[in-house]
């Protein structure tokens, strides 16, 4: 197993304190929005197998079956199919949606054929993969997720008393639900920006007033007023009013499948997603908004926010957040002092993240190599099958492998993480909380 060194991304919406507090480090004064754990080419984790730091992406590329296991390689190809993050939002992220796999493949192929540069600001599809994601709250967490039922959205808009919003409310009450949502979102995003800005300002002022007066929608009005404060005049503020406003308590989660509009507003959480960069934005951003492509991808179906709570799926005490996605599976272990060791399945690659307490990891077993032969796994990066390719990628020689083999144990503090290759069985002990990211095979 490998202790990971991870990159923190300084996006402007990030909290300056939440991730440093978890890690026990001093804030820099700059936003620290996301800490990435995995092999994404944009910011791969690094590990050291005895010859200095090396990218986890390079380690996996040198021996995909040895690191990921043959089952994962057959299902997802020679790369880690998920990306784990700590996400710390201090202000709203963009209102966005992700494509399904078919549309991602089609859209990527179309833009490649047309020669759209990979870094072009108007490019929609960075890769040919879908991007389902799961966000589990570590602190109280606020967000928007999925369309409200149109009648409820109409009541919310009518309550603002803004005359320019009355036509939208009328459509939401009169048309079939999916058609009503499509028509109103299309109108909001396609309207004259100057006229819309005035309507947004009037709606924001009314939302601030209603939030202070209390009532059944006060919490939602407060959220929309806060969004408008960060994005004055943005039509995405009106689009956000069509969505469910949700507050998660620690341990609760949201699953965002293809076509579900959403935005994270504030809080600290663990996010797990398929390894993709495909995002179509609806608003709350200065970045490109491709309205026709967005409308093609959005699923105009009202739904509840769909708050998830973990289910204990095994006798080992593993609490699983069930989703329909194969590329990732998120679970949690809450370890009590003096409790039994928790043994993790070794068929698939996994990343373990400690979020509270102190947790000890101990490598205990022998896995199976890609040729079906034994693979001795006794510590960080120690394997005796054909992993010489990975050693070549990292510069590891026989002596350093012997040294690495003596390290069968790791201790994780809050914010620390480890990569466990497929075929390596690990026991967890200690007192604390560990999130486990793996694939659903």
Protein backbone atom coordinates (compact mmCIF):
# COMPACT_ATOMS: atom_id res chain seq x y z
CA UNK A 1 0.00 0.00 0.00
CA UNK A 2 1.11 3.53 -0.68
CA UNK A 3 0.79 6.68 1.38
CA UNK A 4 -0.41 9.43 -0.97
CA UNK A 5 0.76 12.99 -1.30
CA UNK A 6 -2.09 15.00 -2.78
CA UNK A 7 -2.59 18.31 -4.55
CA UNK A 8 -4.93 21.00 -3.19
CA UNK A 9 -6.62 23.09 -5.87
CA UNK A 10 -7.03 26.85 -5.11
CA UNK A 11 -10.34 27.57 -6.88
CA UNK A 12 -11.82 30.95 -5.97
CA UNK A 13 -14.97 29.47 -4.38
CA UNK A 14 -12.95 27.44 -1.89
CA UNK A 15 -12.80 27.85 1.87
CA UNK A 16 -9.57 29.26 3.26
CA UNK A 17 -9.85 27.25 6.49
CA UNK A 18 -11.86 23.98 6.15
CA UNK A 19 -9.20 21.76 4.55
CA UNK A 20 -6.34 23.19 6.68
CA UNK A 21 -8.40 22.54 9.82
CA UNK A 22 -8.94 18.92 8.79
CA UNK A 23 -5.25 18.46 7.93
CA UNK A 24 -4.05 20.27 11.05
CA UNK A 25 -2.07 22.80 9.02
CA UNK A 26 -1.92 26.58 9.08
CA UNK A 27 -4.18 28.35 6.56
CA UNK A 28 -2.33 30.21 3.85
CA UNK A 29 -5.00 32.85 3.43
CA UNK A 30 -5.68 31.55 -0.08
CA UNK A 31 -8.72 29.42 -1.04
CA UNK A 32 -8.17 25.69 -0.65
CA UNK A 33 -11.12 24.28 -2.56
CA UNK A 34 -10.39 20.64 -3.41
CA UNK A 35 -7.82 18.03 -2.48
CA UNK A 36 -7.53 15.39 -5.23
CA UNK A 37 -6.75 11.74 -4.51
CA UNK A 38 -6.22 9.47 -7.48
CA UNK A 39 -4.57 9.32 -10.87
CA UNK A 40 -6.35 12.13 -12.75
CA UNK A 41 -3.83 13.64 -15.22
CA UNK A 42 -4.66 17.15 -14.03
CA UNK A 43 -3.28 16.56 -10.52
CA UNK A 44 -2.31 12.95 -9.85
CA UNK A 45 -1.42 11.87 -6.33
CA UNK A 46 2.20 10.98 -5.73
CA UNK A 47 3.74 8.12 -3.80
CA UNK A 48 7.22 6.95 -2.93
CA UNK A 49 8.16 3.30 -3.35
CA UNK A 50 11.74 3.80 -2.28
CA UNK A 51 13.28 5.88 -5.07
CA UNK A 52 11.61 9.24 -4.58
CA UNK A 53 8.15 10.61 -5.40
CA UNK A 54 6.39 9.28 -8.48
CA UNK A 55 2.96 9.96 -9.95
CA UNK A 56 0.31 7.37 -9.14
CA UNK A 57 -0.80 7.70 -12.76
CA UNK A 58 2.65 6.60 -13.91
CA UNK A 59 2.71 3.69 -11.45
CA UNK A 60 -0.64 2.43 -12.76
CA UNK A 61 0.27 2.98 -16.41
CA UNK A 62 3.40 0.86 -15.98
CA UNK A 63 1.46 -2.16 -14.65
CA UNK A 64 -2.33 -1.69 -14.97
CA UNK A 65 -3.33 -5.25 -14.08
CA UNK A 66 -0.88 -5.44 -11.22
CA UNK A 67 -2.20 -2.21 -9.67
CA UNK A 68 -5.89 -2.28 -10.61
CA UNK A 69 -6.52 -6.01 -10.97
CA UNK A 70 -7.69 -7.82 -14.10
CA UNK A 71 -11.39 -7.34 -13.32
CA UNK A 72 -11.12 -3.54 -13.16
CA UNK A 73 -8.95 -3.38 -16.29
CA UNK A 74 -11.45 -5.47 -18.25
CA UNK A 75 -14.33 -3.27 -17.11
CA UNK A 76 -12.79 0.21 -17.31
CA UNK A 77 -9.50 -0.01 -19.17
CA UNK A 78 -5.95 0.56 -17.88
CA UNK A 79 -6.65 3.54 -15.63
CA UNK A 80 -8.11 4.22 -12.22
CA UNK A 81 -11.80 4.84 -13.06
CA UNK A 82 -12.59 7.16 -10.14
CA UNK A 83 -11.34 10.34 -8.49
CA UNK A 84 -11.73 11.00 -4.77
CA UNK A 85 -11.74 14.54 -3.40
CA UNK A 86 -12.11 16.62 -0.32
CA UNK A 87 -14.33 19.55 -1.36
CA UNK A 88 -14.53 22.71 0.74
CA UNK A 89 -16.93 25.36 -0.59
CA UNK A 90 -17.18 28.83 0.92
CA UNK A 91 -19.30 30.25 -1.91
CA UNK A 92 -21.53 28.69 -4.58
CA UNK A 93 -20.05 26.61 -7.37
CA UNK A 94 -21.47 26.89 -10.88
CA UNK A 95 -24.91 25.47 -11.61
CA UNK A 96 -24.07 22.47 -13.77
CA UNK A 97 -25.01 19.13 -15.26
CA UNK A 98 -23.07 16.14 -16.57
CA UNK A 99 -23.76 14.06 -19.72
CA UNK A 100 -24.51 10.36 -19.83
CA UNK A 101 -21.92 8.04 -21.34
CA UNK A 102 -23.49 7.92 -24.81
CA UNK A 103 -23.71 11.70 -25.15
CA UNK A 104 -20.19 12.14 -23.79
CA UNK A 105 -18.82 9.77 -26.42
CA UNK A 106 -20.80 11.47 -29.20
CA UNK A 107 -19.97 14.99 -28.07
CA UNK A 108 -16.28 14.27 -27.65
CA UNK A 109 -16.08 12.62 -31.09
CA UNK A 110 -17.89 15.57 -32.70
CA UNK A 111 -15.58 18.17 -31.16
CA UNK A 112 -12.49 16.12 -32.03
CA UNK A 113 -13.71 15.81 -35.62
CA UNK A 114 -14.31 19.56 -35.80
CA UNK A 115 -10.83 20.28 -34.45
CA UNK A 116 -11.96 22.16 -31.34
CA UNK A 117 -8.80 22.67 -29.25
CA UNK A 118 -8.76 20.71 -26.01
CA UNK A 119 -8.24 23.91 -24.00
CA UNK A 120 -10.75 26.06 -25.92
CA UNK A 121 -13.05 27.91 -23.48
CA UNK A 122 -16.10 26.98 -25.56
CA UNK A 123 -15.29 23.26 -25.64
CA UNK A 124 -17.94 21.13 -23.86
CA UNK A 125 -16.40 17.65 -23.87
CA UNK A 126 -12.89 17.20 -22.51
CA UNK A 127 -13.09 13.39 -22.75
CA UNK A 128 -15.43 10.58 -23.80
CA UNK A 129 -16.59 9.58 -20.31
CA UNK A 130 -19.61 10.34 -18.16
CA UNK A 131 -19.22 11.99 -14.74
CA UNK A 132 -21.65 10.71 -12.12
CA UNK A 133 -20.65 11.89 -8.66
CA UNK A 134 -21.43 11.42 -4.99
CA UNK A 135 -20.95 14.04 -2.26
CA UNK A 136 -20.93 13.00 1.40
CA UNK A 137 -21.04 15.78 4.00
CA UNK A 138 -18.36 16.00 6.69
CA UNK A 139 -19.87 19.22 8.08
CA UNK A 140 -23.34 20.68 7.55
CA UNK A 141 -23.44 21.07 3.77
CA UNK A 142 -25.78 23.10 1.55
CA UNK A 143 -26.60 22.51 -2.09
CA UNK A 144 -29.11 22.40 -4.94
CA UNK A 145 -30.06 19.08 -6.51
CA UNK A 146 -32.63 18.21 -9.18
CA UNK A 147 -35.79 20.00 -10.25
CA UNK A 148 -38.53 20.88 -7.81
CA UNK A 149 -42.03 19.84 -8.74
CA UNK A 150 -43.26 22.68 -11.01
CA UNK A 151 -46.17 23.66 -8.75
CA UNK A 152 -43.78 24.09 -5.83
CA UNK A 153 -41.40 26.15 -7.96
CA UNK A 154 -44.34 28.29 -9.08
CA UNK A 155 -45.31 28.97 -5.46
CA UNK A 156 -41.74 29.99 -4.69
CA UNK A 157 -41.60 32.41 -7.65
CA UNK A 158 -45.05 33.87 -6.94
CA UNK A 159 -44.04 34.52 -3.34
CA UNK A 160 -41.34 36.93 -4.52
CA UNK A 161 -43.95 39.31 -5.94
CA UNK A 162 -41.83 40.17 -8.99
CA UNK A 163 -44.09 40.83 -11.99
CA UNK A 164 -41.50 39.67 -14.53
CA UNK A 165 -41.58 36.18 -12.97
CA UNK A 166 -45.36 35.72 -13.29
CA UNK A 167 -45.21 34.28 -16.85
CA UNK A 168 -42.77 31.62 -15.63
CA UNK A 169 -45.04 30.72 -12.72
CA UNK A 170 -48.03 30.48 -15.06
CA UNK A 171 -46.17 28.06 -17.35
CA UNK A 172 -45.11 25.94 -14.39
CA UNK A 173 -48.73 25.58 -13.32
CA UNK A 174 -50.29 25.05 -16.74
CA UNK A 175 -48.00 22.78 -18.77
CA UNK A 176 -47.07 19.11 -18.23
CA UNK A 177 -44.25 18.91 -15.72
CA UNK A 178 -41.35 18.03 -18.02
CA UNK A 179 -42.48 20.45 -20.72
CA UNK A 180 -42.99 23.23 -18.17
CA UNK A 181 -39.51 22.86 -16.72
CA UNK A 182 -37.94 22.78 -20.18
CA UNK A 183 -39.84 25.86 -21.35
CA UNK A 184 -39.01 27.95 -18.29
CA UNK A 185 -35.32 27.02 -18.18
CA UNK A 186 -35.03 27.72 -21.92
CA UNK A 187 -36.69 31.11 -21.47
CA UNK A 188 -34.53 32.08 -18.47
CA UNK A 189 -31.23 31.19 -20.17
CA UNK A 190 -32.23 32.65 -23.54
CA UNK A 191 -33.61 35.99 -22.34
CA UNK A 192 -31.93 39.36 -22.84
CA UNK A 193 -29.15 39.57 -20.26
CA UNK A 194 -29.77 43.20 -19.31
CA UNK A 195 -33.48 42.64 -18.76
CA UNK A 196 -32.77 39.44 -16.85
CA UNK A 197 -30.23 41.20 -14.63
CA UNK A 198 -32.90 43.65 -13.48
CA UNK A 199 -35.31 40.80 -12.75
CA UNK A 200 -32.62 38.95 -10.81
CA UNK A 201 -31.91 42.01 -8.68
CA UNK A 202 -35.61 42.43 -7.87
CA UNK A 203 -35.94 38.73 -7.06
CA UNK A 204 -32.83 38.82 -4.85
CA UNK A 205 -34.11 41.81 -2.88
CA UNK A 206 -37.46 40.08 -2.34
CA UNK A 207 -35.71 36.83 -1.33
CA UNK A 208 -33.64 38.67 1.29
CA UNK A 209 -36.76 40.24 2.74
CA UNK A 210 -38.73 36.97 2.81
CA UNK A 211 -35.82 35.08 4.35
CA UNK A 212 -35.88 37.50 7.26
CA UNK A 213 -39.64 37.19 7.73
CA UNK A 214 -39.60 33.43 8.27
CA UNK A 215 -42.15 31.06 6.79
CA UNK A 216 -41.99 27.68 5.05
CA UNK A 217 -39.65 28.83 2.27
CA UNK A 218 -37.42 31.14 4.33
CA UNK A 219 -34.45 28.78 4.19
CA UNK A 220 -34.65 28.49 0.40
CA UNK A 221 -35.12 32.23 -0.06
CA UNK A 222 -32.01 32.83 2.07
CA UNK A 223 -30.03 30.46 -0.13
CA UNK A 224 -31.15 32.16 -3.34
CA UNK A 225 -30.40 35.61 -1.90
CA UNK A 226 -26.89 34.42 -1.01
CA UNK A 227 -26.39 33.03 -4.53
CA UNK A 228 -27.47 36.37 -6.02
CA UNK A 229 -25.00 38.17 -3.74
CA UNK A 230 -22.14 36.15 -5.25
CA UNK A 231 -23.49 36.28 -8.83
CA UNK A 232 -25.40 39.58 -9.21
CA UNK A 233 -27.59 39.70 -12.30
CA UNK A 234 -26.72 36.13 -13.36
CA UNK A 235 -29.68 34.30 -14.98
CA UNK A 236 -28.48 31.21 -13.16
CA UNK A 237 -30.03 32.69 -10.01
CA UNK A 238 -33.49 32.26 -11.56
CA UNK A 239 -32.59 28.81 -12.85
CA UNK A 240 -31.51 27.87 -9.32
CA UNK A 241 -35.01 28.66 -8.05
CA UNK A 242 -36.30 25.72 -10.07
CA UNK A 243 -34.13 23.31 -8.06
CA UNK A 244 -34.47 21.58 -4.71
CA UNK A 245 -32.60 23.30 -1.92
CA UNK A 246 -31.06 20.77 0.48
CA UNK A 247 -29.07 20.83 3.70
CA UNK A 248 -27.05 17.73 4.50
CA UNK A 249 -25.97 16.73 7.96
CA UNK A 250 -22.60 15.01 8.45
CA UNK A 251 -22.74 11.49 7.04
CA UNK A 252 -25.57 12.27 4.61
CA UNK A 253 -24.89 12.28 0.86
CA UNK A 254 -26.20 13.30 -2.56
CA UNK A 255 -25.83 11.25 -5.73
CA UNK A 256 -25.74 13.26 -8.97
CA UNK A 257 -26.41 11.13 -12.02
CA UNK A 258 -26.41 12.18 -15.66
CA UNK A 259 -28.64 15.10 -16.57
CA UNK A 260 -29.36 16.21 -12.98
CA UNK A 261 -28.78 19.97 -12.53
CA UNK A 262 -27.00 20.77 -9.29
CA UNK A 263 -24.76 23.20 -7.45
CA UNK A 264 -22.80 23.00 -4.21
CA UNK A 265 -23.29 26.09 -2.06
CA UNK A 266 -21.19 25.63 1.06
CA UNK A 267 -19.58 23.11 3.42
CA UNK A 268 -16.93 20.41 3.59
CA UNK A 269 -17.46 16.98 2.09
CA UNK A 270 -15.95 13.88 0.54
CA UNK A 271 -16.66 13.72 -3.19
CA UNK A 272 -16.25 10.62 -5.36
CA UNK A 273 -16.77 10.68 -9.13
CA UNK A 274 -16.03 8.92 -12.37
CA UNK A 275 -12.72 10.09 -13.81
CA UNK A 276 -13.98 12.76 -16.23
CA UNK A 277 -13.91 16.53 -16.74
CA UNK A 278 -17.20 16.83 -18.65
CA UNK A 279 -19.27 19.68 -17.23
CA UNK A 280 -22.06 21.65 -18.93
CA UNK A 281 -22.82 24.86 -17.05
CA UNK A 282 -26.24 26.43 -16.58
CA UNK A 283 -25.14 29.63 -14.86
CA UNK A 284 -23.49 31.09 -11.74
CA UNK A 285 -20.27 31.31 -13.69
CA UNK A 286 -18.33 33.61 -16.02
CA UNK A 287 -17.45 30.53 -18.09
CA UNK A 288 -19.03 29.39 -21.35
CA UNK A 289 -22.71 28.32 -21.24
CA UNK A 290 -23.79 26.34 -24.31
CA UNK A 291 -27.58 26.56 -23.96
CA UNK A 292 -28.55 24.23 -26.86
CA UNK A 293 -26.17 21.47 -25.69
CA UNK A 294 -27.23 21.98 -22.09
CA UNK A 295 -30.90 21.53 -23.00
CA UNK A 296 -29.99 18.36 -24.85
CA UNK A 297 -28.35 16.88 -21.75
CA UNK A 298 -30.64 18.02 -18.91
CA UNK A 299 -33.28 15.58 -17.69
CA UNK A 300 -36.43 17.62 -17.19
CA UNK A 301 -38.02 15.42 -14.55
CA UNK A 302 -38.99 16.67 -11.09
CA UNK A 303 -37.62 14.67 -8.19
CA UNK A 304 -36.83 14.87 -4.51
CA UNK A 305 -33.27 15.78 -3.61
CA UNK A 306 -32.66 12.11 -2.80
CA UNK A 307 -30.58 12.35 0.37
CA UNK A 308 -28.60 9.14 0.91
CA UNK A 309 -27.66 7.59 4.23
CA UNK A 310 -25.20 4.71 4.51
CA UNK A 311 -26.34 1.13 4.83
CA UNK A 312 -24.33 -1.45 6.75
CA UNK A 313 -23.71 -4.03 4.04
CA UNK A 314 -21.26 -6.42 5.69
CA UNK A 315 -20.45 -7.96 9.03
CA UNK A 316 -17.20 -5.99 8.95
CA UNK A 317 -19.11 -2.81 9.79
CA UNK A 318 -18.65 -1.25 6.37
CA UNK A 319 -21.34 1.39 5.74
CA UNK A 320 -22.06 1.68 2.02
CA UNK A 321 -23.53 4.59 0.05
CA UNK A 322 -25.42 2.69 -2.64
CA UNK A 323 -25.49 4.17 -6.16
CA UNK A 324 -26.16 2.70 -9.63
CA UNK A 325 -22.63 3.53 -10.82
CA UNK A 326 -20.02 0.85 -11.56
CA UNK A 327 -16.98 3.14 -11.74
CA UNK A 328 -17.04 3.91 -8.03
CA UNK A 329 -18.32 2.75 -4.67
CA UNK A 330 -18.06 4.84 -1.50
CA UNK A 331 -18.24 3.39 1.98
CA UNK A 332 -17.31 4.36 5.51
CA UNK A 333 -15.84 2.66 8.55
CA UNK A 334 -16.37 4.19 12.00
CA UNK A 335 -13.84 2.50 14.26
CA UNK A 336 -14.39 2.40 18.01
CA UNK A 337 -11.54 2.14 20.51
CA UNK A 338 -10.77 -1.49 21.31
CA UNK A 339 -13.05 -2.68 18.52
CA UNK A 340 -12.25 -5.57 16.17
CA UNK A 341 -10.00 -5.16 13.15
CA UNK A 342 -11.89 -4.49 9.91
CA UNK A 343 -10.67 -6.50 6.92
CA UNK A 344 -11.14 -5.04 3.44
CA UNK A 345 -11.86 -7.05 0.31
CA UNK A 346 -8.79 -7.21 -1.94
CA UNK A 347 -10.26 -7.76 -5.42
CA UNK A 348 -10.27 -4.14 -6.50
CA UNK A 349 -8.06 -1.03 -6.19
CA UNK A 350 -9.00 1.34 -3.42
CA UNK A 351 -8.15 4.66 -1.83
CA UNK A 352 -8.59 5.03 1.92
CA UNK A 353 -9.09 8.49 3.44
CA UNK A 354 -9.09 9.20 7.17
CA UNK A 355 -11.41 12.06 8.19
CA UNK A 356 -11.33 11.75 12.00
CA UNK A 357 -9.18 10.15 14.68
CA UNK A 358 -6.16 7.95 13.96
CA UNK A 359 -6.42 4.76 11.92
CA UNK A 360 -3.80 2.06 11.43
CA UNK A 361 -3.58 0.07 8.18
CA UNK A 362 -1.90 -3.33 8.14
CA UNK A 363 -1.24 -5.35 4.96
CA UNK A 364 -2.03 -8.98 5.69
CA UNK A 365 -2.42 -11.19 2.65
CA UNK A 366 -1.24 -12.49 -0.70
CA UNK A 367 -3.20 -11.57 -3.82
CA UNK A 368 -3.23 -12.93 -7.36
CA UNK A 369 -1.24 -11.52 -10.25
CA UNK A 370 -2.54 -10.92 -13.78
CA UNK A 371 -1.20 -14.34 -14.85
CA UNK A 372 -3.02 -16.08 -12.02
CA UNK A 373 0.18 -16.61 -10.03
CA UNK A 374 0.80 -15.48 -6.47
CA UNK A 375 1.67 -11.87 -5.75
CA UNK A 376 3.33 -11.37 -2.37
CA UNK A 377 2.10 -8.09 -0.92
CA UNK A 378 3.82 -7.18 2.32
CA UNK A 379 3.86 -3.41 2.27
CA UNK A 380 4.10 -0.20 0.34
CA UNK A 381 4.64 -1.18 -3.25
CA UNK A 382 6.14 -4.64 -2.60
CA UNK A 383 5.15 -7.26 -5.16
CA UNK A 384 7.02 -10.24 -6.51
CA UNK A 385 5.19 -10.76 -9.81
CA UNK A 386 5.93 -8.95 -13.08
CA UNK A 387 5.75 -5.53 -11.43
CA UNK A 388 9.22 -4.69 -12.66
CA UNK A 389 7.49 -2.43 -15.20
CA UNK A 390 6.13 -0.28 -12.38
CA UNK A 391 9.54 -0.34 -10.73
CA UNK A 392 11.03 0.97 -13.96
CA UNK A 393 8.48 3.80 -14.04
CA UNK A 394 9.35 4.84 -10.48
CA UNK A 395 13.05 4.03 -10.57
CA UNK A 396 12.73 1.40 -7.84
CA UNK A 397 15.56 -1.15 -7.61
CA UNK A 398 15.69 -4.46 -5.73
CA UNK A 399 17.23 -2.94 -2.62
CA UNK A 400 14.61 -0.24 -2.30
CA UNK A 401 11.87 -2.82 -2.87
CA UNK A 402 13.28 -4.84 0.01
CA UNK A 403 13.22 -1.73 2.17
CA UNK A 404 9.64 -0.99 1.10
CA UNK A 405 8.62 -4.56 1.90
CA UNK A 406 9.43 -3.98 5.55
CA UNK A 407 6.78 -1.28 5.76
CA UNK A 408 3.65 -3.34 6.21
CA UNK A 409 1.89 -0.67 8.27
CA UNK A 410 0.67 2.86 7.75
CA UNK A 411 -1.01 5.22 10.20
CA UNK A 412 -3.42 7.79 8.84
CA UNK A 413 -4.40 11.03 10.56
CA UNK A 414 -7.29 13.27 9.41
CA UNK A 415 -6.86 14.26 5.76
CA UNK A 416 -4.27 11.56 5.04
CA UNK A 417 -4.87 8.85 2.46
CA UNK A 418 -3.44 5.67 1.01
CA UNK A 419 -3.70 3.75 -2.26
CA UNK A 420 -4.18 -0.01 -1.90
CA UNK A 421 -3.54 -1.98 -5.10
CA UNK A 422 -5.85 -4.83 -6.07
CA UNK A 423 -4.76 -8.10 -4.50
CA UNK A 424 -3.57 -6.52 -1.25
CA UNK A 425 -5.68 -7.26 1.81
CA UNK A 426 -5.68 -4.61 4.52
CA UNK A 427 -6.87 -4.56 8.11
CA UNK A 428 -8.08 -1.36 9.78
CA UNK A 429 -7.73 -0.70 13.49
CA UNK A 430 -7.74 2.36 15.71
CA UNK A 431 -10.27 4.99 16.66
CA UNK A 432 -11.60 7.16 13.87
CA UNK A 433 -13.42 7.37 10.54
CA UNK A 434 -12.17 6.07 7.21
CA UNK A 435 -13.81 6.53 3.82
CA UNK A 436 -13.12 3.82 1.26
CA UNK A 437 -13.30 4.52 -2.48
CA UNK A 438 -13.21 1.59 -4.85
CA UNK A 439 -15.08 0.21 -7.87
CA UNK A 440 -18.42 -1.62 -7.83
CA UNK A 441 -17.40 -5.03 -9.19
